[in-house]
C-alpha cells in the first residue's frame, strides 16, 4: 500500500497562489498542474517526463502579489513542516474596501499545494 501525506513545502504554495509557471525545457505548466494528486501511481508527485529538467519558474505580474502574505502554523518554531499554511494576495478597488482580486493557496491540507478558488470567489466584490 502507498503512504500518502500532505504536501510539506512552503515555496510552491506561494507559486500556486500567483499562477506561476514551471518551464520543463520546451514544455510549460502552471505550478498548480505540475503537482499531481494521488491516483493509480501515488508515488508520482510531479508531472515531469523522463529527460525533462526544470529550466525556469516564471511568476507573472499581479496586483494581488503586491499586497500579499504567507502564514504558517507549525508545532515548533524551528524547521518544521506546516500543519497548515496559506499564501494570500489581495487587490482592492479604489475605495480601499472592496476586493477586486484575491488569491488564496493552502498548504498542509492536501497532497499538493491547493488553490482555494471557492474562497476567492466568495470574497471578491
PDB file of N, CA and C in Angstrom:
ATOM      1  N   UNK A   1       0.822  -1.182   0.000  1.00  0.00           N
ATOM      2  CA  UNK A   1       0.000   0.000   0.000  1.00  0.00           C
ATOM      3  C   UNK A   1       0.866   1.245   0.000  1.00  0.00           C
ATOM      4  N   UNK A   2       0.364   2.296  -0.603  1.00  0.00           N
ATOM      5  CA  UNK A   2       1.092   3.556  -0.680  1.00  0.00           C
ATOM      6  C   UNK A   2       0.837   4.394   0.566  1.00  0.00           C
ATOM      7  N   UNK A   3       1.860   5.093   0.990  1.00  0.00           N
ATOM      8  CA  UNK A   3       1.728   6.057   2.081  1.00  0.00           C
ATOM      9  C   UNK A   3       1.548   7.432   1.442  1.00  0.00           C
ATOM     10  N   UNK A   4       0.458   8.078   1.729  1.00  0.00           N
ATOM     11  CA  UNK A   4       0.159   9.376   1.126  1.00  0.00           C
ATOM     12  C   UNK A   4       0.113  10.421   2.235  1.00  0.00           C
ATOM     13  N   UNK A   5       0.884  11.492   2.054  1.00  0.00           N
ATOM     14  CA  UNK A   5       0.978  12.536   3.075  1.00  0.00           C
ATOM     15  C   UNK A   5       0.607  13.886   2.480  1.00  0.00           C
ATOM     16  N   UNK A   6       0.431  14.857   3.340  1.00  0.00           N
ATOM     17  CA  UNK A   6       0.170  16.214   2.861  1.00  0.00           C
ATOM     18  C   UNK A   6       1.447  16.801   2.275  1.00  0.00           C
ATOM     19  N   UNK A   7       1.292  17.785   1.403  1.00  0.00           N
ATOM     20  CA  UNK A   7       2.440  18.435   0.781  1.00  0.00           C
ATOM     21  C   UNK A   7       3.188  19.240   1.847  1.00  0.00           C
ATOM     22  N   UNK A   8       4.518  19.042   2.001  1.00  0.00           N
ATOM     23  CA  UNK A   8       5.246  19.662   3.102  1.00  0.00           C
ATOM     24  C   UNK A   8       5.910  21.007   2.813  1.00  0.00           C
ATOM     25  N   UNK A   9       6.002  21.439   1.569  1.00  0.00           N
ATOM     26  CA  UNK A   9       6.796  22.622   1.230  1.00  0.00           C
ATOM     27  C   UNK A   9       6.097  23.944   1.474  1.00  0.00           C
ATOM     28  N   UNK A  10       6.879  25.016   1.357  1.00  0.00           N
ATOM     29  CA  UNK A  10       6.370  26.371   1.545  1.00  0.00           C
ATOM     30  C   UNK A  10       6.326  27.160   0.234  1.00  0.00           C
ATOM     31  N   UNK A  11       7.407  27.148  -0.519  1.00  0.00           N
ATOM     32  CA  UNK A  11       7.519  27.993  -1.709  1.00  0.00           C
ATOM     33  C   UNK A  11       6.423  27.714  -2.733  1.00  0.00           C
ATOM     34  N   UNK A  12       6.124  26.451  -2.983  1.00  0.00           N
ATOM     35  CA  UNK A  12       5.136  26.111  -4.011  1.00  0.00           C
ATOM     36  C   UNK A  12       3.753  26.670  -3.693  1.00  0.00           C
ATOM     37  N   UNK A  13       3.443  26.854  -2.426  1.00  0.00           N
ATOM     38  CA  UNK A  13       2.142  27.405  -2.046  1.00  0.00           C
ATOM     39  C   UNK A  13       2.010  28.818  -2.625  1.00  0.00           C
ATOM     40  N   UNK A  14       3.039  29.637  -2.444  1.00  0.00           N
ATOM     41  CA  UNK A  14       3.017  31.000  -2.991  1.00  0.00           C
ATOM     42  C   UNK A  14       3.035  30.979  -4.514  1.00  0.00           C
ATOM     43  N   UNK A  15       3.799  30.072  -5.106  1.00  0.00           N
ATOM     44  CA  UNK A  15       3.847  29.983  -6.569  1.00  0.00           C
ATOM     45  C   UNK A  15       2.475  29.640  -7.147  1.00  0.00           C
ATOM     46  N   UNK A  16       1.752  28.752  -6.487  1.00  0.00           N
ATOM     47  CA  UNK A  16       0.400  28.397  -6.940  1.00  0.00           C
ATOM     48  C   UNK A  16      -0.539  29.591  -6.788  1.00  0.00           C
ATOM     49  N   UNK A  17      -0.434  30.319  -5.693  1.00  0.00           N
ATOM     50  CA  UNK A  17      -1.327  31.463  -5.456  1.00  0.00           C
ATOM     51  C   UNK A  17      -1.219  32.497  -6.566  1.00  0.00           C
ATOM     52  N   UNK A  18      -0.031  32.661  -7.121  1.00  0.00           N
ATOM     53  CA  UNK A  18       0.177  33.729  -8.102  1.00  0.00           C
ATOM     54  C   UNK A  18       0.381  33.214  -9.522  1.00  0.00           C
ATOM     55  N   UNK A  19      -0.187  32.032  -9.816  1.00  0.00           N
ATOM     56  CA  UNK A  19      -0.230  31.476 -11.176  1.00  0.00           C
ATOM     57  C   UNK A  19       1.136  31.318 -11.828  1.00  0.00           C
ATOM     58  N   UNK A  20       2.138  30.951 -11.057  1.00  0.00           N
ATOM     59  CA  UNK A  20       3.475  30.744 -11.615  1.00  0.00           C
ATOM     60  C   UNK A  20       3.476  29.557 -12.572  1.00  0.00           C
ATOM     61  N   UNK A  21       4.398  29.610 -13.521  1.00  0.00           N
ATOM     62  CA  UNK A  21       4.587  28.516 -14.477  1.00  0.00           C
ATOM     63  C   UNK A  21       5.969  27.914 -14.290  1.00  0.00           C
ATOM     64  N   UNK A  22       6.044  26.604 -14.455  1.00  0.00           N
ATOM     65  CA  UNK A  22       7.317  25.901 -14.433  1.00  0.00           C
ATOM     66  C   UNK A  22       7.679  25.567 -15.876  1.00  0.00           C
ATOM     67  N   UNK A  23       8.919  25.840 -16.247  1.00  0.00           N
ATOM     68  CA  UNK A  23       9.409  25.545 -17.594  1.00  0.00           C
ATOM     69  C   UNK A  23      10.184  24.236 -17.527  1.00  0.00           C
ATOM     70  N   UNK A  24       9.778  23.297 -18.339  1.00  0.00           N
ATOM     71  CA  UNK A  24      10.423  21.987 -18.415  1.00  0.00           C
ATOM     72  C   UNK A  24      11.029  21.855 -19.810  1.00  0.00           C
ATOM     73  N   UNK A  25      12.065  22.598 -20.075  1.00  0.00           N
ATOM     74  CA  UNK A  25      12.597  22.668 -21.434  1.00  0.00           C
ATOM     75  C   UNK A  25      11.601  23.421 -22.298  1.00  0.00           C
ATOM     76  N   UNK A  26      11.064  22.752 -23.309  1.00  0.00           N
ATOM     77  CA  UNK A  26      10.095  23.374 -24.221  1.00  0.00           C
ATOM     78  C   UNK A  26       8.685  23.448 -23.631  1.00  0.00           C
ATOM     79  N   UNK A  27       8.396  22.587 -22.688  1.00  0.00           N
ATOM     80  CA  UNK A  27       7.045  22.493 -22.140  1.00  0.00           C
ATOM     81  C   UNK A  27       6.891  23.422 -20.941  1.00  0.00           C
ATOM     82  N   UNK A  28       5.694  24.038 -20.836  1.00  0.00           N
ATOM     83  CA  UNK A  28       5.363  24.898 -19.698  1.00  0.00           C
ATOM     84  C   UNK A  28       4.081  24.392 -19.049  1.00  0.00           C
ATOM     85  N   UNK A  29       4.062  24.430 -17.738  1.00  0.00           N
ATOM     86  CA  UNK A  29       2.874  24.060 -16.964  1.00  0.00           C
ATOM     87  C   UNK A  29       2.683  25.079 -15.854  1.00  0.00           C
ATOM     88  N   UNK A  30       1.426  25.311 -15.490  1.00  0.00           N
ATOM     89  CA  UNK A  30       1.181  26.068 -14.262  1.00  0.00           C
ATOM     90  C   UNK A  30       1.715  25.212 -13.114  1.00  0.00           C
ATOM     91  N   UNK A  31       2.311  25.848 -12.117  1.00  0.00           N
ATOM     92  CA  UNK A  31       2.829  25.105 -10.972  1.00  0.00           C
ATOM     93  C   UNK A  31       1.707  24.287 -10.341  1.00  0.00           C
ATOM     94  N   UNK A  32       0.508  24.824 -10.344  1.00  0.00           N
ATOM     95  CA  UNK A  32      -0.657  24.113  -9.800  1.00  0.00           C
ATOM     96  C   UNK A  32      -0.870  22.770 -10.495  1.00  0.00           C
ATOM     97  N   UNK A  33      -0.618  22.708 -11.798  1.00  0.00           N
ATOM     98  CA  UNK A  33      -0.798  21.466 -12.558  1.00  0.00           C
ATOM     99  C   UNK A  33       0.436  20.576 -12.520  1.00  0.00           C
ATOM    100  N   UNK A  34       1.581  21.137 -12.174  1.00  0.00           N
ATOM    101  CA  UNK A  34       2.829  20.380 -12.089  1.00  0.00           C
ATOM    102  C   UNK A  34       2.766  19.358 -10.956  1.00  0.00           C
ATOM    103  N   UNK A  35       2.133  19.733  -9.845  1.00  0.00           N
ATOM    104  CA  UNK A  35       1.971  18.820  -8.714  1.00  0.00           C
ATOM    105  C   UNK A  35       0.741  17.950  -8.965  1.00  0.00           C
ATOM    106  N   UNK A  36       0.892  16.647  -8.792  1.00  0.00           N
ATOM    107  CA  UNK A  36      -0.184  15.704  -9.097  1.00  0.00           C
ATOM    108  C   UNK A  36      -0.883  15.239  -7.824  1.00  0.00           C
ATOM    109  N   UNK A  37      -2.184  15.044  -7.923  1.00  0.00           N
ATOM    110  CA  UNK A  37      -2.938  14.408  -6.841  1.00  0.00           C
ATOM    111  C   UNK A  37      -2.696  12.906  -6.942  1.00  0.00           C
ATOM    112  N   UNK A  38      -2.749  12.184  -5.827  1.00  0.00           N
ATOM    113  CA  UNK A  38      -2.521  10.745  -5.904  1.00  0.00           C
ATOM    114  C   UNK A  38      -3.604  10.075  -6.741  1.00  0.00           C
ATOM    115  N   UNK A  39      -3.200   9.128  -7.493  1.00  0.00           N
ATOM    116  CA  UNK A  39      -4.122   8.359  -8.328  1.00  0.00           C
ATOM    117  C   UNK A  39      -3.619   6.936  -8.381  1.00  0.00           C
ATOM    118  N   UNK A  40      -3.615   6.360  -9.558  1.00  0.00           N
ATOM    119  CA  UNK A  40      -3.141   4.988  -9.725  1.00  0.00           C
ATOM    120  C   UNK A  40      -1.645   4.880  -9.420  1.00  0.00           C
ATOM    121  N   UNK A  41      -0.923   5.990  -9.555  1.00  0.00           N
ATOM    122  CA  UNK A  41       0.516   5.999  -9.270  1.00  0.00           C
ATOM    123  C   UNK A  41       0.789   6.995  -8.147  1.00  0.00           C
ATOM    124  N   UNK A  42       0.472   6.601  -6.933  1.00  0.00           N
ATOM    125  CA  UNK A  42       0.581   7.503  -5.779  1.00  0.00           C
ATOM    126  C   UNK A  42       2.013   7.956  -5.531  1.00  0.00           C
ATOM    127  N   UNK A  43       2.988   7.184  -5.999  1.00  0.00           N
ATOM    128  CA  UNK A  43       4.389   7.559  -5.781  1.00  0.00           C
ATOM    129  C   UNK A  43       4.848   8.685  -6.712  1.00  0.00           C
ATOM    130  N   UNK A  44       4.042   9.024  -7.685  1.00  0.00           N
ATOM    131  CA  UNK A  44       4.386  10.077  -8.645  1.00  0.00           C
ATOM    132  C   UNK A  44       3.756  11.394  -8.186  1.00  0.00           C
ATOM    133  N   UNK A  45       4.598  12.359  -7.835  1.00  0.00           N
ATOM    134  CA  UNK A  45       4.118  13.616  -7.267  1.00  0.00           C
ATOM    135  C   UNK A  45       4.123  14.777  -8.246  1.00  0.00           C
ATOM    136  N   UNK A  46       4.875  14.655  -9.359  1.00  0.00           N
ATOM    137  CA  UNK A  46       5.047  15.768 -10.292  1.00  0.00           C
ATOM    138  C   UNK A  46       4.814  15.315 -11.718  1.00  0.00           C
ATOM    139  N   UNK A  47       4.344  16.222 -12.547  1.00  0.00           N
ATOM    140  CA  UNK A  47       4.168  15.947 -13.973  1.00  0.00           C
ATOM    141  C   UNK A  47       5.459  16.310 -14.705  1.00  0.00           C
ATOM    142  N   UNK A  48       6.475  15.508 -14.484  1.00  0.00           N
ATOM    143  CA  UNK A  48       7.751  15.694 -15.166  1.00  0.00           C
ATOM    144  C   UNK A  48       8.063  14.397 -15.901  1.00  0.00           C
ATOM    145  N   UNK A  49       8.400  14.518 -17.153  1.00  0.00           N
ATOM    146  CA  UNK A  49       8.617  13.353 -18.011  1.00  0.00           C
ATOM    147  C   UNK A  49      10.097  12.969 -18.034  1.00  0.00           C
ATOM    148  N   UNK A  50      10.373  11.713 -18.362  1.00  0.00           N
ATOM    149  CA  UNK A  50      11.781  11.297 -18.472  1.00  0.00           C
ATOM    150  C   UNK A  50      12.544  12.223 -19.425  1.00  0.00           C
ATOM    151  N   UNK A  51      13.718  12.646 -19.001  1.00  0.00           N
ATOM    152  CA  UNK A  51      14.545  13.529 -19.817  1.00  0.00           C
ATOM    153  C   UNK A  51      14.276  15.004 -19.603  1.00  0.00           C
ATOM    154  N   UNK A  52      13.184  15.357 -18.933  1.00  0.00           N
ATOM    155  CA  UNK A  52      12.883  16.766 -18.678  1.00  0.00           C
ATOM    156  C   UNK A  52      13.605  17.242 -17.424  1.00  0.00           C
ATOM    157  N   UNK A  53      13.908  18.521 -17.430  1.00  0.00           N
ATOM    158  CA  UNK A  53      14.508  19.166 -16.272  1.00  0.00           C
ATOM    159  C   UNK A  53      13.870  20.551 -16.142  1.00  0.00           C
ATOM    160  N   UNK A  54      13.699  21.008 -14.923  1.00  0.00           N
ATOM    161  CA  UNK A  54      13.148  22.349 -14.710  1.00  0.00           C
ATOM    162  C   UNK A  54      14.211  23.364 -15.111  1.00  0.00           C
ATOM    163  N   UNK A  55      13.861  24.215 -16.062  1.00  0.00           N
ATOM    164  CA  UNK A  55      14.808  25.225 -16.545  1.00  0.00           C
ATOM    165  C   UNK A  55      14.481  26.623 -16.024  1.00  0.00           C
ATOM    166  N   UNK A  56      13.251  26.848 -15.599  1.00  0.00           N
ATOM    167  CA  UNK A  56      12.870  28.167 -15.084  1.00  0.00           C
ATOM    168  C   UNK A  56      11.525  28.075 -14.384  1.00  0.00           C
ATOM    169  N   UNK A  57      11.289  29.042 -13.531  1.00  0.00           N
ATOM    170  CA  UNK A  57       9.965  29.251 -12.936  1.00  0.00           C
ATOM    171  C   UNK A  57       9.626  30.708 -13.192  1.00  0.00           C
ATOM    172  N   UNK A  58       8.456  30.931 -13.776  1.00  0.00           N
ATOM    173  CA  UNK A  58       8.036  32.283 -14.156  1.00  0.00           C
ATOM    174  C   UNK A  58       6.832  32.701 -13.322  1.00  0.00           C
ATOM    175  N   UNK A  59       6.938  33.852 -12.698  1.00  0.00           N
ATOM    176  CA  UNK A  59       5.839  34.390 -11.892  1.00  0.00           C
ATOM    177  C   UNK A  59       5.310  35.623 -12.609  1.00  0.00           C
ATOM    178  N   UNK A  60       4.088  35.560 -13.137  1.00  0.00           N
ATOM    179  CA  UNK A  60       3.552  36.719 -13.857  1.00  0.00           C
ATOM    180  C   UNK A  60       3.263  37.876 -12.903  1.00  0.00           C
ATOM    181  N   UNK A  61       3.314  39.082 -13.433  1.00  0.00           N
ATOM    182  CA  UNK A  61       2.987  40.249 -12.625  1.00  0.00           C
ATOM    183  C   UNK A  61       1.537  40.197 -12.184  1.00  0.00           C
ATOM    184  N   UNK A  62       1.281  40.598 -10.966  1.00  0.00           N
ATOM    185  CA  UNK A  62      -0.079  40.573 -10.429  1.00  0.00           C
ATOM    186  C   UNK A  62      -0.214  41.671  -9.388  1.00  0.00           C
ATOM    187  N   UNK A  63      -1.254  42.458  -9.510  1.00  0.00           N
ATOM    188  CA  UNK A  63      -1.503  43.487  -8.498  1.00  0.00           C
ATOM    189  C   UNK A  63      -1.764  42.847  -7.139  1.00  0.00           C
ATOM    190  N   UNK A  64      -2.358  41.654  -7.137  1.00  0.00           N
ATOM    191  CA  UNK A  64      -2.631  40.963  -5.875  1.00  0.00           C
ATOM    192  C   UNK A  64      -1.336  40.558  -5.175  1.00  0.00           C
ATOM    193  N   UNK A  65      -0.270  40.334  -5.931  1.00  0.00           N
ATOM    194  CA  UNK A  65       1.005  39.936  -5.323  1.00  0.00           C
ATOM    195  C   UNK A  65       1.656  41.086  -4.563  1.00  0.00           C
ATOM    196  N   UNK A  66       1.312  42.314  -4.913  1.00  0.00           N
ATOM    197  CA  UNK A  66       1.912  43.472  -4.241  1.00  0.00           C
ATOM    198  C   UNK A  66       1.471  43.590  -2.783  1.00  0.00           C
ATOM    199  N   UNK A  67       0.285  43.108  -2.497  1.00  0.00           N
ATOM    200  CA  UNK A  67      -0.226  43.130  -1.126  1.00  0.00           C
ATOM    201  C   UNK A  67      -0.499  41.674  -0.758  1.00  0.00           C
ATOM    202  N   UNK A  68       0.529  41.012  -0.261  1.00  0.00           N
ATOM    203  CA  UNK A  68       0.402  39.579  -0.019  1.00  0.00           C
ATOM    204  C   UNK A  68       1.112  39.181   1.267  1.00  0.00           C
ATOM    205  N   UNK A  69       0.797  37.972   1.729  1.00  0.00           N
ATOM    206  CA  UNK A  69       1.429  37.438   2.929  1.00  0.00           C
ATOM    207  C   UNK A  69       1.442  35.919   2.856  1.00  0.00           C
ATOM    208  N   UNK A  70       2.295  35.332   3.657  1.00  0.00           N
ATOM    209  CA  UNK A  70       2.356  33.876   3.800  1.00  0.00           C
ATOM    210  C   UNK A  70       2.286  33.571   5.288  1.00  0.00           C
ATOM    211  N   UNK A  71       1.351  32.731   5.666  1.00  0.00           N
ATOM    212  CA  UNK A  71       1.162  32.363   7.070  1.00  0.00           C
ATOM    213  C   UNK A  71       1.361  30.867   7.219  1.00  0.00           C
ATOM    214  N   UNK A  72       1.989  30.467   8.327  1.00  0.00           N
ATOM    215  CA  UNK A  72       2.292  29.050   8.537  1.00  0.00           C
ATOM    216  C   UNK A  72       2.061  28.694  10.000  1.00  0.00           C
ATOM    217  N   UNK A  73       1.310  27.632  10.229  1.00  0.00           N
ATOM    218  CA  UNK A  73       1.092  27.098  11.571  1.00  0.00           C
ATOM    219  C   UNK A  73       1.909  25.819  11.672  1.00  0.00           C
ATOM    220  N   UNK A  74       2.727  25.731  12.721  1.00  0.00           N
ATOM    221  CA  UNK A  74       3.557  24.537  12.907  1.00  0.00           C
ATOM    222  C   UNK A  74       3.736  24.277  14.393  1.00  0.00           C
ATOM    223  N   UNK A  75       4.165  23.065  14.717  1.00  0.00           N
ATOM    224  CA  UNK A  75       4.316  22.678  16.121  1.00  0.00           C
ATOM    225  C   UNK A  75       5.488  23.362  16.807  1.00  0.00           C
ATOM    226  N   UNK A  76       6.611  23.541  16.078  1.00  0.00           N
ATOM    227  CA  UNK A  76       7.814  24.142  16.660  1.00  0.00           C
ATOM    228  C   UNK A  76       8.189  25.380  15.862  1.00  0.00           C
ATOM    229  N   UNK A  77       8.947  26.276  16.458  1.00  0.00           N
ATOM    230  CA  UNK A  77       9.419  27.465  15.751  1.00  0.00           C
ATOM    231  C   UNK A  77      10.599  27.157  14.841  1.00  0.00           C
ATOM    232  N   UNK A  78      11.331  26.099  15.146  1.00  0.00           N
ATOM    233  CA  UNK A  78      12.443  25.710  14.282  1.00  0.00           C
ATOM    234  C   UNK A  78      11.895  24.962  13.070  1.00  0.00           C
ATOM    235  N   UNK A  79      12.777  24.473  12.220  1.00  0.00           N
ATOM    236  CA  UNK A  79      12.376  23.800  10.984  1.00  0.00           C
ATOM    237  C   UNK A  79      11.282  22.778  11.266  1.00  0.00           C
ATOM    238  N   UNK A  80      10.161  22.958  10.632  1.00  0.00           N
ATOM    239  CA  UNK A  80       9.017  22.071  10.839  1.00  0.00           C
ATOM    240  C   UNK A  80       8.071  22.215   9.657  1.00  0.00           C
ATOM    241  N   UNK A  81       7.540  21.097   9.201  1.00  0.00           N
ATOM    242  CA  UNK A  81       6.532  21.154   8.142  1.00  0.00           C
ATOM    243  C   UNK A  81       5.278  21.840   8.681  1.00  0.00           C
ATOM    244  N   UNK A  82       4.544  22.450   7.788  1.00  0.00           N
ATOM    245  CA  UNK A  82       3.336  23.171   8.187  1.00  0.00           C
ATOM    246  C   UNK A  82       2.222  22.211   8.581  1.00  0.00           C
ATOM    247  N   UNK A  83       1.561  22.509   9.690  1.00  0.00           N
ATOM    248  CA  UNK A  83       0.300  21.837   9.994  1.00  0.00           C
ATOM    249  C   UNK A  83      -0.747  22.393   9.037  1.00  0.00           C
ATOM    250  N   UNK A  84      -0.612  23.678   8.746  1.00  0.00           N
ATOM    251  CA  UNK A  84      -1.427  24.363   7.736  1.00  0.00           C
ATOM    252  C   UNK A  84      -0.689  25.640   7.354  1.00  0.00           C
ATOM    253  N   UNK A  85      -0.837  26.043   6.096  1.00  0.00           N
ATOM    254  CA  UNK A  85      -0.222  27.295   5.645  1.00  0.00           C
ATOM    255  C   UNK A  85      -1.105  27.921   4.582  1.00  0.00           C
ATOM    256  N   UNK A  86      -0.891  29.214   4.360  1.00  0.00           N
ATOM    257  CA  UNK A  86      -1.680  29.918   3.348  1.00  0.00           C
ATOM    258  C   UNK A  86      -0.860  31.049   2.749  1.00  0.00           C
ATOM    259  N   UNK A  87      -0.918  31.155   1.432  1.00  0.00           N
ATOM    260  CA  UNK A  87      -0.381  32.310   0.714  1.00  0.00           C
ATOM    261  C   UNK A  87      -1.592  33.087   0.223  1.00  0.00           C
ATOM    262  N   UNK A  88      -1.643  34.360   0.563  1.00  0.00           N
ATOM    263  CA  UNK A  88      -2.810  35.178   0.239  1.00  0.00           C
ATOM    264  C   UNK A  88      -2.347  36.491  -0.376  1.00  0.00           C
ATOM    265  N   UNK A  89      -2.952  36.848  -1.491  1.00  0.00           N
ATOM    266  CA  UNK A  89      -2.680  38.130  -2.136  1.00  0.00           C
ATOM    267  C   UNK A  89      -3.986  38.858  -2.371  1.00  0.00           C
ATOM    268  N   UNK A  90      -3.949  40.177  -2.290  1.00  0.00           N
ATOM    269  CA  UNK A  90      -5.172  40.960  -2.322  1.00  0.00           C
ATOM    270  C   UNK A  90      -4.982  42.221  -3.159  1.00  0.00           C
ATOM    271  N   UNK A  91      -5.951  42.491  -4.008  1.00  0.00           N
ATOM    272  CA  UNK A  91      -6.007  43.761  -4.735  1.00  0.00           C
ATOM    273  C   UNK A  91      -7.350  44.399  -4.422  1.00  0.00           C
ATOM    274  N   UNK A  92      -7.315  45.648  -3.967  1.00  0.00           N
ATOM    275  CA  UNK A  92      -8.543  46.351  -3.596  1.00  0.00           C
ATOM    276  C   UNK A  92      -8.946  47.352  -4.669  1.00  0.00           C
ATOM    277  N   UNK A  93     -10.232  47.642  -4.706  1.00  0.00           N
ATOM    278  CA  UNK A  93     -10.747  48.707  -5.565  1.00  0.00           C
ATOM    279  C   UNK A  93     -10.279  50.051  -4.999  1.00  0.00           C
ATOM    280  N   UNK A  94     -10.537  51.125  -5.718  1.00  0.00           N
ATOM    281  CA  UNK A  94     -10.134  52.460  -5.296  1.00  0.00           C
ATOM    282  C   UNK A  94     -10.691  52.884  -3.950  1.00  0.00           C
ATOM    283  N   UNK A  95     -11.841  52.308  -3.542  1.00  0.00           N
ATOM    284  CA  UNK A  95     -12.431  52.676  -2.251  1.00  0.00           C
ATOM    285  C   UNK A  95     -11.665  52.084  -1.069  1.00  0.00           C
ATOM    286  N   UNK A  96     -10.715  51.176  -1.340  1.00  0.00           N
ATOM    287  CA  UNK A  96      -9.916  50.571  -0.282  1.00  0.00           C
ATOM    288  C   UNK A  96     -10.636  49.547   0.558  1.00  0.00           C
ATOM    289  N   UNK A  97     -11.864  49.200   0.174  1.00  0.00           N
ATOM    290  CA  UNK A  97     -12.663  48.253   0.964  1.00  0.00           C
ATOM    291  C   UNK A  97     -13.174  47.075   0.156  1.00  0.00           C
ATOM    292  N   UNK A  98     -13.309  47.257  -1.144  1.00  0.00           N
ATOM    293  CA  UNK A  98     -13.879  46.216  -1.999  1.00  0.00           C
ATOM    294  C   UNK A  98     -12.758  45.412  -2.645  1.00  0.00           C
ATOM    295  N   UNK A  99     -12.870  44.092  -2.575  1.00  0.00           N
ATOM    296  CA  UNK A  99     -11.840  43.214  -3.124  1.00  0.00           C
ATOM    297  C   UNK A  99     -12.032  43.065  -4.626  1.00  0.00           C
ATOM    298  N   UNK A 100     -11.056  43.538  -5.392  1.00  0.00           N
ATOM    299  CA  UNK A 100     -11.062  43.386  -6.850  1.00  0.00           C
ATOM    300  C   UNK A 100     -10.548  41.998  -7.237  1.00  0.00           C
ATOM    301  N   UNK A 101      -9.453  41.579  -6.607  1.00  0.00           N
ATOM    302  CA  UNK A 101      -8.855  40.275  -6.893  1.00  0.00           C
ATOM    303  C   UNK A 101      -8.251  39.741  -5.608  1.00  0.00           C
ATOM    304  N   UNK A 102      -8.366  38.445  -5.418  1.00  0.00           N
ATOM    305  CA  UNK A 102      -7.772  37.792  -4.256  1.00  0.00           C
ATOM    306  C   UNK A 102      -7.253  36.435  -4.691  1.00  0.00           C
ATOM    307  N   UNK A 103      -6.117  36.064  -4.156  1.00  0.00           N
ATOM    308  CA  UNK A 103      -5.512  34.763  -4.442  1.00  0.00           C
ATOM    309  C   UNK A 103      -5.291  34.062  -3.112  1.00  0.00           C
ATOM    310  N   UNK A 104      -5.734  32.816  -3.019  1.00  0.00           N
ATOM    311  CA  UNK A 104      -5.565  32.032  -1.803  1.00  0.00           C
ATOM    312  C   UNK A 104      -5.083  30.641  -2.189  1.00  0.00           C
ATOM    313  N   UNK A 105      -3.937  30.250  -1.668  1.00  0.00           N
ATOM    314  CA  UNK A 105      -3.440  28.887  -1.851  1.00  0.00           C
ATOM    315  C   UNK A 105      -3.097  28.330  -0.476  1.00  0.00           C
ATOM    316  N   UNK A 106      -3.347  27.048  -0.299  1.00  0.00           N
ATOM    317  CA  UNK A 106      -3.192  26.414   1.009  1.00  0.00           C
ATOM    318  C   UNK A 106      -2.163  25.299   0.972  1.00  0.00           C
ATOM    319  N   UNK A 107      -1.464  25.129   2.070  1.00  0.00           N
ATOM    320  CA  UNK A 107      -0.521  24.032   2.237  1.00  0.00           C
ATOM    321  C   UNK A 107      -0.853  23.264   3.501  1.00  0.00           C
ATOM    322  N   UNK A 108      -0.395  22.030   3.558  1.00  0.00           N
ATOM    323  CA  UNK A 108      -0.646  21.195   4.731  1.00  0.00           C
ATOM    324  C   UNK A 108      -2.050  20.644   4.794  1.00  0.00           C
ATOM    325  N   UNK A 109      -2.841  20.840   3.743  1.00  0.00           N
ATOM    326  CA  UNK A 109      -4.236  20.385   3.757  1.00  0.00           C
ATOM    327  C   UNK A 109      -4.533  19.352   2.672  1.00  0.00           C
ATOM    328  N   UNK A 110      -3.575  19.119   1.782  1.00  0.00           N
ATOM    329  CA  UNK A 110      -3.777  18.177   0.678  1.00  0.00           C
ATOM    330  C   UNK A 110      -2.413  17.622   0.264  1.00  0.00           C
ATOM    331  N   UNK A 111      -2.412  16.718  -0.671  1.00  0.00           N
ATOM    332  CA  UNK A 111      -1.169  16.104  -1.134  1.00  0.00           C
ATOM    333  C   UNK A 111      -0.394  16.991  -2.090  1.00  0.00           C
ATOM    334  N   UNK A 112      -0.957  18.133  -2.438  1.00  0.00           N
ATOM    335  CA  UNK A 112      -0.306  19.101  -3.318  1.00  0.00           C
ATOM    336  C   UNK A 112      -0.731  20.495  -2.884  1.00  0.00           C
ATOM    337  N   UNK A 113      -0.016  21.527  -3.290  1.00  0.00           N
ATOM    338  CA  UNK A 113      -0.480  22.884  -2.989  1.00  0.00           C
ATOM    339  C   UNK A 113      -1.897  23.069  -3.540  1.00  0.00           C
ATOM    340  N   UNK A 114      -2.764  23.656  -2.750  1.00  0.00           N
ATOM    341  CA  UNK A 114      -4.191  23.705  -3.095  1.00  0.00           C
ATOM    342  C   UNK A 114      -4.663  25.140  -3.280  1.00  0.00           C
ATOM    343  N   UNK A 115      -5.117  25.462  -4.477  1.00  0.00           N
ATOM    344  CA  UNK A 115      -5.681  26.792  -4.751  1.00  0.00           C
ATOM    345  C   UNK A 115      -7.132  26.798  -4.290  1.00  0.00           C
ATOM    346  N   UNK A 116      -7.477  27.718  -3.423  1.00  0.00           N
ATOM    347  CA  UNK A 116      -8.814  27.790  -2.828  1.00  0.00           C
ATOM    348  C   UNK A 116      -9.698  28.731  -3.643  1.00  0.00           C
ATOM    349  N   UNK A 117     -10.066  28.321  -4.832  1.00  0.00           N
ATOM    350  CA  UNK A 117     -10.852  29.174  -5.738  1.00  0.00           C
ATOM    351  C   UNK A 117     -12.255  29.473  -5.208  1.00  0.00           C
ATOM    352  N   UNK A 118     -12.848  28.529  -4.517  1.00  0.00           N
ATOM    353  CA  UNK A 118     -14.182  28.783  -3.953  1.00  0.00           C
ATOM    354  C   UNK A 118     -14.111  29.916  -2.929  1.00  0.00           C
ATOM    355  N   UNK A 119     -13.059  29.940  -2.132  1.00  0.00           N
ATOM    356  CA  UNK A 119     -12.864  31.022  -1.158  1.00  0.00           C
ATOM    357  C   UNK A 119     -12.663  32.343  -1.897  1.00  0.00           C
ATOM    358  N   UNK A 120     -11.820  32.330  -2.931  1.00  0.00           N
ATOM    359  CA  UNK A 120     -11.571  33.540  -3.713  1.00  0.00           C
ATOM    360  C   UNK A 120     -12.871  34.106  -4.282  1.00  0.00           C
ATOM    361  N   UNK A 121     -13.681  33.235  -4.859  1.00  0.00           N
ATOM    362  CA  UNK A 121     -14.939  33.679  -5.474  1.00  0.00           C
ATOM    363  C   UNK A 121     -15.903  34.270  -4.452  1.00  0.00           C
ATOM    364  N   UNK A 122     -15.931  33.713  -3.255  1.00  0.00           N
ATOM    365  CA  UNK A 122     -16.824  34.227  -2.209  1.00  0.00           C
ATOM    366  C   UNK A 122     -16.388  35.598  -1.699  1.00  0.00           C
ATOM    367  N   UNK A 123     -15.093  35.850  -1.693  1.00  0.00           N
ATOM    368  CA  UNK A 123     -14.576  37.090  -1.112  1.00  0.00           C
ATOM    369  C   UNK A 123     -14.504  38.255  -2.091  1.00  0.00           C
ATOM    370  N   UNK A 124     -14.528  37.989  -3.380  1.00  0.00           N
ATOM    371  CA  UNK A 124     -14.445  39.072  -4.373  1.00  0.00           C
ATOM    372  C   UNK A 124     -15.716  39.907  -4.371  1.00  0.00           C
ATOM    373  N   UNK A 125     -15.521  41.211  -4.552  1.00  0.00           N
ATOM    374  CA  UNK A 125     -16.675  42.087  -4.732  1.00  0.00           C
ATOM    375  C   UNK A 125     -17.126  42.807  -3.505  1.00  0.00           C
TER     376      UNK A 125
END
